All heavy atoms as atom14 arrays in JSON, in Angstrom:
{
  "sequence": "KAPSTLSGPYDDVPKPAKAEKMDWEVELGIVIGKPCR",
  "atom14_mask": [
    [1, 1, 1, 1, 1, 1, 1, 1, 1, 0, 0, 0, 0, 0],
    [1, 1, 1, 1, 1, 0, 0, 0, 0, 0, 0, 0, 0, 0],
    [1, 1, 1, 1, 1, 1, 1, 0, 0, 0, 0, 0, 0, 0],
    [1, 1, 1, 1, 1, 1, 0, 0, 0, 0, 0, 0, 0, 0],
    [1, 1, 1, 1, 1, 1, 1, 0, 0, 0, 0, 0, 0, 0],
    [1, 1, 1, 1, 1, 1, 1, 1, 0, 0, 0, 0, 0, 0],
    [1, 1, 1, 1, 1, 1, 0, 0, 0, 0, 0, 0, 0, 0],
    [1, 1, 1, 1, 0, 0, 0, 0, 0, 0, 0, 0, 0, 0],
    [1, 1, 1, 1, 1, 1, 1, 0, 0, 0, 0, 0, 0, 0],
    [1, 1, 1, 1, 1, 1, 1, 1, 1, 1, 1, 1, 0, 0],
    [1, 1, 1, 1, 1, 1, 1, 1, 0, 0, 0, 0, 0, 0],
    [1, 1, 1, 1, 1, 1, 1, 1, 0, 0, 0, 0, 0, 0],
    [1, 1, 1, 1, 1, 1, 1, 0, 0, 0, 0, 0, 0, 0],
    [1, 1, 1, 1, 1, 1, 1, 0, 0, 0, 0, 0, 0, 0],
    [1, 1, 1, 1, 1, 1, 1, 1, 1, 0, 0, 0, 0, 0],
    [1, 1, 1, 1, 1, 1, 1, 0, 0, 0, 0, 0, 0, 0],
    [1, 1, 1, 1, 1, 0, 0, 0, 0, 0, 0, 0, 0, 0],
    [1, 1, 1, 1, 1, 1, 1, 1, 1, 0, 0, 0, 0, 0],
    [1, 1, 1, 1, 1, 0, 0, 0, 0, 0, 0, 0, 0, 0],
    [1, 1, 1, 1, 1, 1, 1, 1, 1, 0, 0, 0, 0, 0],
    [1, 1, 1, 1, 1, 1, 1, 1, 1, 0, 0, 0, 0, 0],
    [1, 1, 1, 1, 1, 1, 1, 1, 0, 0, 0, 0, 0, 0],
    [1, 1, 1, 1, 1, 1, 1, 1, 0, 0, 0, 0, 0, 0],
    [1, 1, 1, 1, 1, 1, 1, 1, 1, 1, 1, 1, 1, 1],
    [1, 1, 1, 1, 1, 1, 1, 1, 1, 0, 0, 0, 0, 0],
    [1, 1, 1, 1, 1, 1, 1, 0, 0, 0, 0, 0, 0, 0],
    [1, 1, 1, 1, 1, 1, 1, 1, 1, 0, 0, 0, 0, 0],
    [1, 1, 1, 1, 1, 1, 1, 1, 0, 0, 0, 0, 0, 0],
    [1, 1, 1, 1, 0, 0, 0, 0, 0, 0, 0, 0, 0, 0],
    [1, 1, 1, 1, 1, 1, 1, 1, 0, 0, 0, 0, 0, 0],
    [1, 1, 1, 1, 1, 1, 1, 0, 0, 0, 0, 0, 0, 0],
    [1, 1, 1, 1, 1, 1, 1, 1, 0, 0, 0, 0, 0, 0],
    [1, 1, 1, 1, 0, 0, 0, 0, 0, 0, 0, 0, 0, 0],
    [1, 1, 1, 1, 1, 1, 1, 1, 1, 0, 0, 0, 0, 0],
    [1, 1, 1, 1, 1, 1, 1, 0, 0, 0, 0, 0, 0, 0],
    [1, 1, 1, 1, 1, 1, 0, 0, 0, 0, 0, 0, 0, 0],
    [1, 1, 1, 1, 1, 1, 1, 1, 1, 1, 1, 0, 0, 0]
  ],
  "atom14_positions": [
    [[15.05, -16.22, 22.45], [14.44, -17.33, 23.18], [15.04, -17.32, 24.59], [16.24, -17.08, 24.76], [14.72, -18.67, 22.51], [13.99, -18.86, 21.18], [14.38, -20.16, 20.51], [13.71, -21.39, 21.1], [12.33, -21.6, 20.65], [0.0, 0.0, 0.0], [0.0, 0.0, 0.0], [0.0, 0.0, 0.0], [0.0, 0.0, 0.0], [0.0, 0.0, 0.0]],
    [[14.23, -17.58, 25.59], [14.72, -17.61, 26.96], [15.73, -18.75, 27.12], [15.55, -19.83, 26.56], [13.57, -17.81, 27.93], [0.0, 0.0, 0.0], [0.0, 0.0, 0.0], [0.0, 0.0, 0.0], [0.0, 0.0, 0.0], [0.0, 0.0, 0.0], [0.0, 0.0, 0.0], [0.0, 0.0, 0.0], [0.0, 0.0, 0.0], [0.0, 0.0, 0.0]],
    [[16.81, -18.54, 27.9], [17.77, -19.63, 28.15], [17.12, -20.87, 28.77], [17.63, -21.98, 28.61], [18.78, -18.99, 29.1], [18.75, -17.53, 28.75], [17.29, -17.26, 28.45], [0.0, 0.0, 0.0], [0.0, 0.0, 0.0], [0.0, 0.0, 0.0], [0.0, 0.0, 0.0], [0.0, 0.0, 0.0], [0.0, 0.0, 0.0], [0.0, 0.0, 0.0]],
    [[15.99, -20.7, 29.45], [15.3, -21.84, 30.06], [14.64, -22.75, 29.03], [14.09, -23.79, 29.39], [14.24, -21.34, 31.06], [13.35, -20.43, 30.44], [0.0, 0.0, 0.0], [0.0, 0.0, 0.0], [0.0, 0.0, 0.0], [0.0, 0.0, 0.0], [0.0, 0.0, 0.0], [0.0, 0.0, 0.0], [0.0, 0.0, 0.0], [0.0, 0.0, 0.0]],
    [[14.69, -22.39, 27.74], [14.16, -23.27, 26.69], [15.09, -24.44, 26.38], [14.67, -25.4, 25.74], [13.92, -22.5, 25.38], [15.15, -21.92, 24.95], [12.89, -21.41, 25.56], [0.0, 0.0, 0.0], [0.0, 0.0, 0.0], [0.0, 0.0, 0.0], [0.0, 0.0, 0.0], [0.0, 0.0, 0.0], [0.0, 0.0, 0.0], [0.0, 0.0, 0.0]],
    [[16.34, -24.35, 26.82], [17.33, -25.36, 26.45], [16.9, -26.75, 26.92], [16.4, -26.93, 28.03], [18.68, -25.0, 27.05], [19.92, -25.41, 26.23], [19.93, -24.65, 24.91], [21.19, -25.14, 27.01], [0.0, 0.0, 0.0], [0.0, 0.0, 0.0], [0.0, 0.0, 0.0], [0.0, 0.0, 0.0], [0.0, 0.0, 0.0], [0.0, 0.0, 0.0]],
    [[17.12, -27.76, 26.07], [16.72, -29.13, 26.37], [17.68, -30.08, 25.69], [18.39, -29.71, 24.75], [15.28, -29.37, 25.88], [14.82, -30.65, 26.22], [0.0, 0.0, 0.0], [0.0, 0.0, 0.0], [0.0, 0.0, 0.0], [0.0, 0.0, 0.0], [0.0, 0.0, 0.0], [0.0, 0.0, 0.0], [0.0, 0.0, 0.0], [0.0, 0.0, 0.0]],
    [[17.71, -31.33, 26.17], [18.58, -32.34, 25.58], [18.02, -32.9, 24.29], [16.84, -32.76, 23.98], [0.0, 0.0, 0.0], [0.0, 0.0, 0.0], [0.0, 0.0, 0.0], [0.0, 0.0, 0.0], [0.0, 0.0, 0.0], [0.0, 0.0, 0.0], [0.0, 0.0, 0.0], [0.0, 0.0, 0.0], [0.0, 0.0, 0.0], [0.0, 0.0, 0.0]],
    [[18.87, -33.6, 23.52], [18.48, -34.06, 22.19], [17.52, -35.24, 22.17], [16.95, -35.54, 21.12], [19.82, -34.45, 21.56], [20.67, -34.85, 22.72], [20.28, -33.92, 23.83], [0.0, 0.0, 0.0], [0.0, 0.0, 0.0], [0.0, 0.0, 0.0], [0.0, 0.0, 0.0], [0.0, 0.0, 0.0], [0.0, 0.0, 0.0], [0.0, 0.0, 0.0]],
    [[17.35, -35.91, 23.31], [16.46, -37.07, 23.36], [15.44, -36.95, 24.49], [14.72, -37.92, 24.78], [17.29, -38.36, 23.53], [18.42, -38.48, 22.54], [19.75, -38.51, 22.97], [18.18, -38.54, 21.18], [20.79, -38.61, 22.06], [19.22, -38.62, 20.26], [20.52, -38.66, 20.71], [21.56, -38.75, 19.8], [0.0, 0.0, 0.0], [0.0, 0.0, 0.0]],
    [[15.37, -35.79, 25.11], [14.43, -35.59, 26.21], [13.05, -35.24, 25.66], [12.92, -34.35, 24.81], [14.9, -34.46, 27.13], [16.2, -34.78, 27.84], [16.51, -35.98, 27.99], [16.91, -33.84, 28.25], [0.0, 0.0, 0.0], [0.0, 0.0, 0.0], [0.0, 0.0, 0.0], [0.0, 0.0, 0.0], [0.0, 0.0, 0.0], [0.0, 0.0, 0.0]],
    [[12.02, -35.9, 26.15], [10.67, -35.56, 25.73], [10.36, -34.1, 26.02], [10.87, -33.5, 26.98], [9.65, -36.44, 26.46], [9.68, -37.88, 25.98], [10.27, -38.15, 24.91], [9.12, -38.74, 26.67], [0.0, 0.0, 0.0], [0.0, 0.0, 0.0], [0.0, 0.0, 0.0], [0.0, 0.0, 0.0], [0.0, 0.0, 0.0], [0.0, 0.0, 0.0]],
    [[9.54, -33.51, 25.16], [9.17, -32.1, 25.29], [7.68, -32.01, 25.65], [6.84, -32.45, 24.86], [9.44, -31.32, 23.99], [8.98, -29.86, 24.13], [10.92, -31.39, 23.62], [0.0, 0.0, 0.0], [0.0, 0.0, 0.0], [0.0, 0.0, 0.0], [0.0, 0.0, 0.0], [0.0, 0.0, 0.0], [0.0, 0.0, 0.0], [0.0, 0.0, 0.0]],
    [[7.34, -31.47, 26.8], [5.92, -31.37, 27.16], [5.23, -30.27, 26.37], [5.77, -29.18, 26.2], [5.96, -31.03, 28.66], [7.29, -30.36, 28.86], [8.23, -30.98, 27.87], [0.0, 0.0, 0.0], [0.0, 0.0, 0.0], [0.0, 0.0, 0.0], [0.0, 0.0, 0.0], [0.0, 0.0, 0.0], [0.0, 0.0, 0.0], [0.0, 0.0, 0.0]],
    [[4.04, -30.57, 25.88], [3.24, -29.55, 25.22], [2.66, -28.62, 26.29], [1.96, -29.07, 27.2], [2.11, -30.19, 24.43], [1.22, -29.19, 23.7], [0.11, -29.92, 22.96], [-0.8, -28.93, 22.24], [-1.56, -28.09, 23.2], [0.0, 0.0, 0.0], [0.0, 0.0, 0.0], [0.0, 0.0, 0.0], [0.0, 0.0, 0.0], [0.0, 0.0, 0.0]],
    [[2.96, -27.31, 26.22], [2.43, -26.4, 27.24], [0.91, -26.38, 27.25], [0.26, -26.49, 26.2], [3.0, -25.04, 26.83], [4.2, -25.36, 25.98], [3.85, -26.62, 25.27], [0.0, 0.0, 0.0], [0.0, 0.0, 0.0], [0.0, 0.0, 0.0], [0.0, 0.0, 0.0], [0.0, 0.0, 0.0], [0.0, 0.0, 0.0], [0.0, 0.0, 0.0]],
    [[0.35, -26.22, 28.42], [-1.11, -26.25, 28.56], [-1.79, -25.17, 27.73], [-2.89, -25.37, 27.21], [-1.49, -26.11, 30.04], [0.0, 0.0, 0.0], [0.0, 0.0, 0.0], [0.0, 0.0, 0.0], [0.0, 0.0, 0.0], [0.0, 0.0, 0.0], [0.0, 0.0, 0.0], [0.0, 0.0, 0.0], [0.0, 0.0, 0.0], [0.0, 0.0, 0.0]],
    [[-1.15, -24.03, 27.58], [-1.76, -22.91, 26.86], [-1.36, -22.86, 25.38], [-1.81, -21.98, 24.65], [-1.36, -21.59, 27.52], [-1.8, -21.45, 28.99], [-3.3, -21.39, 29.13], [-3.71, -21.12, 30.56], [-5.18, -21.1, 30.73], [0.0, 0.0, 0.0], [0.0, 0.0, 0.0], [0.0, 0.0, 0.0], [0.0, 0.0, 0.0], [0.0, 0.0, 0.0]],
    [[-0.52, -23.78, 24.95], [-0.08, -23.77, 23.55], [-1.16, -24.34, 22.66], [-1.61, -25.47, 22.84], [1.21, -24.58, 23.41], [0.0, 0.0, 0.0], [0.0, 0.0, 0.0], [0.0, 0.0, 0.0], [0.0, 0.0, 0.0], [0.0, 0.0, 0.0], [0.0, 0.0, 0.0], [0.0, 0.0, 0.0], [0.0, 0.0, 0.0], [0.0, 0.0, 0.0]],
    [[-1.61, -23.57, 21.69], [-2.67, -23.98, 20.78], [-2.15, -24.41, 19.41], [-2.81, -25.18, 18.71], [-3.66, -22.82, 20.6], [-4.32, -22.36, 21.89], [-5.16, -21.1, 21.68], [-5.29, -20.67, 20.51], [-5.68, -20.57, 22.67], [0.0, 0.0, 0.0], [0.0, 0.0, 0.0], [0.0, 0.0, 0.0], [0.0, 0.0, 0.0], [0.0, 0.0, 0.0]],
    [[-0.97, -23.89, 19.02], [-0.46, -24.13, 17.67], [1.04, -24.41, 17.75], [1.86, -23.7, 17.19], [-0.73, -22.91, 16.77], [-2.21, -22.57, 16.6], [-2.4, -21.35, 15.72], [-3.87, -21.03, 15.53], [-4.05, -19.81, 14.65], [0.0, 0.0, 0.0], [0.0, 0.0, 0.0], [0.0, 0.0, 0.0], [0.0, 0.0, 0.0], [0.0, 0.0, 0.0]],
    [[1.39, -25.51, 18.42], [2.79, -25.86, 18.62], [3.4, -26.39, 17.32], [2.85, -27.28, 16.68], [2.91, -26.91, 19.74], [4.32, -27.22, 20.16], [4.32, -28.35, 21.59], [6.06, -28.68, 21.75], [0.0, 0.0, 0.0], [0.0, 0.0, 0.0], [0.0, 0.0, 0.0], [0.0, 0.0, 0.0], [0.0, 0.0, 0.0], [0.0, 0.0, 0.0]],
    [[4.55, -25.85, 16.96], [5.15, -26.09, 15.65], [6.63, -26.46, 15.81], [7.24, -26.23, 16.85], [5.01, -24.84, 14.78], [4.99, -25.13, 13.29], [5.32, -26.26, 12.88], [4.66, -24.2, 12.53], [0.0, 0.0, 0.0], [0.0, 0.0, 0.0], [0.0, 0.0, 0.0], [0.0, 0.0, 0.0], [0.0, 0.0, 0.0], [0.0, 0.0, 0.0]],
    [[7.21, -27.03, 14.76], [8.6, -27.47, 14.74], [9.42, -26.6, 13.78], [8.89, -26.04, 12.82], [8.66, -28.93, 14.27], [7.99, -29.13, 12.92], [8.54, -28.94, 11.68], [6.63, -29.51, 12.68], [7.62, -29.2, 10.69], [6.45, -29.55, 11.27], [5.55, -29.85, 13.51], [5.23, -29.9, 10.68], [4.35, -30.2, 12.92], [4.19, -30.23, 11.53]],
    [[10.73, -26.5, 14.0], [11.62, -25.76, 13.11], [13.05, -26.27, 13.3], [13.73, -25.88, 14.25], [11.6, -24.25, 13.39], [10.26, -23.57, 13.17], [10.36, -22.06, 13.3], [11.29, -21.47, 12.72], [9.51, -21.47, 13.99], [0.0, 0.0, 0.0], [0.0, 0.0, 0.0], [0.0, 0.0, 0.0], [0.0, 0.0, 0.0], [0.0, 0.0, 0.0]],
    [[13.53, -27.15, 12.43], [14.9, -27.61, 12.51], [15.85, -26.48, 12.09], [15.58, -25.77, 11.11], [15.12, -28.86, 11.64], [14.8, -28.61, 10.17], [16.54, -29.39, 11.79], [0.0, 0.0, 0.0], [0.0, 0.0, 0.0], [0.0, 0.0, 0.0], [0.0, 0.0, 0.0], [0.0, 0.0, 0.0], [0.0, 0.0, 0.0], [0.0, 0.0, 0.0]],
    [[16.94, -26.3, 12.84], [17.84, -25.18, 12.57], [19.29, -25.52, 12.89], [19.58, -26.35, 13.76], [17.43, -23.95, 13.39], [15.98, -23.56, 13.2], [15.67, -22.11, 13.54], [16.62, -21.34, 13.84], [14.48, -21.75, 13.52], [0.0, 0.0, 0.0], [0.0, 0.0, 0.0], [0.0, 0.0, 0.0], [0.0, 0.0, 0.0], [0.0, 0.0, 0.0]],
    [[20.18, -24.85, 12.18], [21.6, -24.86, 12.49], [21.87, -23.84, 13.6], [21.42, -22.69, 13.51], [22.4, -24.47, 11.24], [23.88, -24.18, 11.44], [24.65, -25.47, 11.72], [24.45, -23.48, 10.21], [0.0, 0.0, 0.0], [0.0, 0.0, 0.0], [0.0, 0.0, 0.0], [0.0, 0.0, 0.0], [0.0, 0.0, 0.0], [0.0, 0.0, 0.0]],
    [[22.58, -24.27, 14.65], [22.92, -23.36, 15.74], [24.4, -23.04, 15.74], [25.26, -23.9, 15.47], [0.0, 0.0, 0.0], [0.0, 0.0, 0.0], [0.0, 0.0, 0.0], [0.0, 0.0, 0.0], [0.0, 0.0, 0.0], [0.0, 0.0, 0.0], [0.0, 0.0, 0.0], [0.0, 0.0, 0.0], [0.0, 0.0, 0.0], [0.0, 0.0, 0.0]],
    [[24.73, -21.79, 16.02], [26.1, -21.3, 16.15], [26.39, -21.07, 17.63], [25.6, -20.42, 18.32], [26.29, -19.96, 15.4], [25.98, -20.1, 13.91], [27.7, -19.41, 15.61], [25.89, -18.75, 13.19], [0.0, 0.0, 0.0], [0.0, 0.0, 0.0], [0.0, 0.0, 0.0], [0.0, 0.0, 0.0], [0.0, 0.0, 0.0], [0.0, 0.0, 0.0]],
    [[27.52, -21.57, 18.11], [27.96, -21.29, 19.47], [29.13, -20.31, 19.4], [30.13, -20.56, 18.73], [28.36, -22.57, 20.21], [28.91, -22.24, 21.6], [27.16, -23.51, 20.33], [0.0, 0.0, 0.0], [0.0, 0.0, 0.0], [0.0, 0.0, 0.0], [0.0, 0.0, 0.0], [0.0, 0.0, 0.0], [0.0, 0.0, 0.0], [0.0, 0.0, 0.0]],
    [[28.98, -19.19, 20.08], [30.0, -18.15, 20.08], [31.13, -18.53, 21.04], [30.88, -18.99, 22.15], [29.38, -16.79, 20.49], [28.25, -16.4, 19.52], [30.45, -15.7, 20.55], [28.68, -16.22, 18.08], [0.0, 0.0, 0.0], [0.0, 0.0, 0.0], [0.0, 0.0, 0.0], [0.0, 0.0, 0.0], [0.0, 0.0, 0.0], [0.0, 0.0, 0.0]],
    [[32.37, -18.34, 20.59], [33.51, -18.73, 21.39], [34.33, -17.58, 21.93], [35.08, -17.76, 22.9], [0.0, 0.0, 0.0], [0.0, 0.0, 0.0], [0.0, 0.0, 0.0], [0.0, 0.0, 0.0], [0.0, 0.0, 0.0], [0.0, 0.0, 0.0], [0.0, 0.0, 0.0], [0.0, 0.0, 0.0], [0.0, 0.0, 0.0], [0.0, 0.0, 0.0]],
    [[34.19, -16.39, 21.34], [34.97, -15.23, 21.76], [34.08, -13.99, 21.8], [33.11, -13.91, 21.04], [36.14, -14.98, 20.8], [37.14, -16.12, 20.71], [38.22, -15.81, 19.69], [39.22, -16.96, 19.58], [40.26, -16.69, 18.56], [0.0, 0.0, 0.0], [0.0, 0.0, 0.0], [0.0, 0.0, 0.0], [0.0, 0.0, 0.0], [0.0, 0.0, 0.0]],
    [[34.4, -13.02, 22.65], [33.61, -11.77, 22.65], [33.6, -11.16, 21.26], [34.62, -11.15, 20.56], [34.36, -10.89, 23.65], [35.09, -11.84, 24.53], [35.47, -13.0, 23.65], [0.0, 0.0, 0.0], [0.0, 0.0, 0.0], [0.0, 0.0, 0.0], [0.0, 0.0, 0.0], [0.0, 0.0, 0.0], [0.0, 0.0, 0.0], [0.0, 0.0, 0.0]],
    [[32.45, -10.65, 20.89], [32.25, -10.23, 19.5], [31.44, -8.94, 19.5], [30.26, -8.93, 19.88], [31.51, -11.36, 18.78], [31.3, -11.14, 17.02], [0.0, 0.0, 0.0], [0.0, 0.0, 0.0], [0.0, 0.0, 0.0], [0.0, 0.0, 0.0], [0.0, 0.0, 0.0], [0.0, 0.0, 0.0], [0.0, 0.0, 0.0], [0.0, 0.0, 0.0]],
    [[32.06, -7.85, 19.08], [31.38, -6.55, 19.06], [31.8, -5.8, 17.8], [32.98, -5.57, 17.56], [31.74, -5.74, 20.3], [31.05, -4.38, 20.4], [31.55, -3.56, 21.59], [31.36, -4.24, 22.86], [32.37, -4.72, 23.6], [33.62, -4.61, 23.17], [32.11, -5.3, 24.76], [0.0, 0.0, 0.0], [0.0, 0.0, 0.0], [0.0, 0.0, 0.0]]
  ]
}
């Protein structure tokens, strides 16, 4: 996902003009803290 997708937890989300089938997906997110290879 592009980094520009990031949004706040209470900020309204605009439906894109070209989006025909906008869907939801609740997920657990992991934040990386150290370089990992």
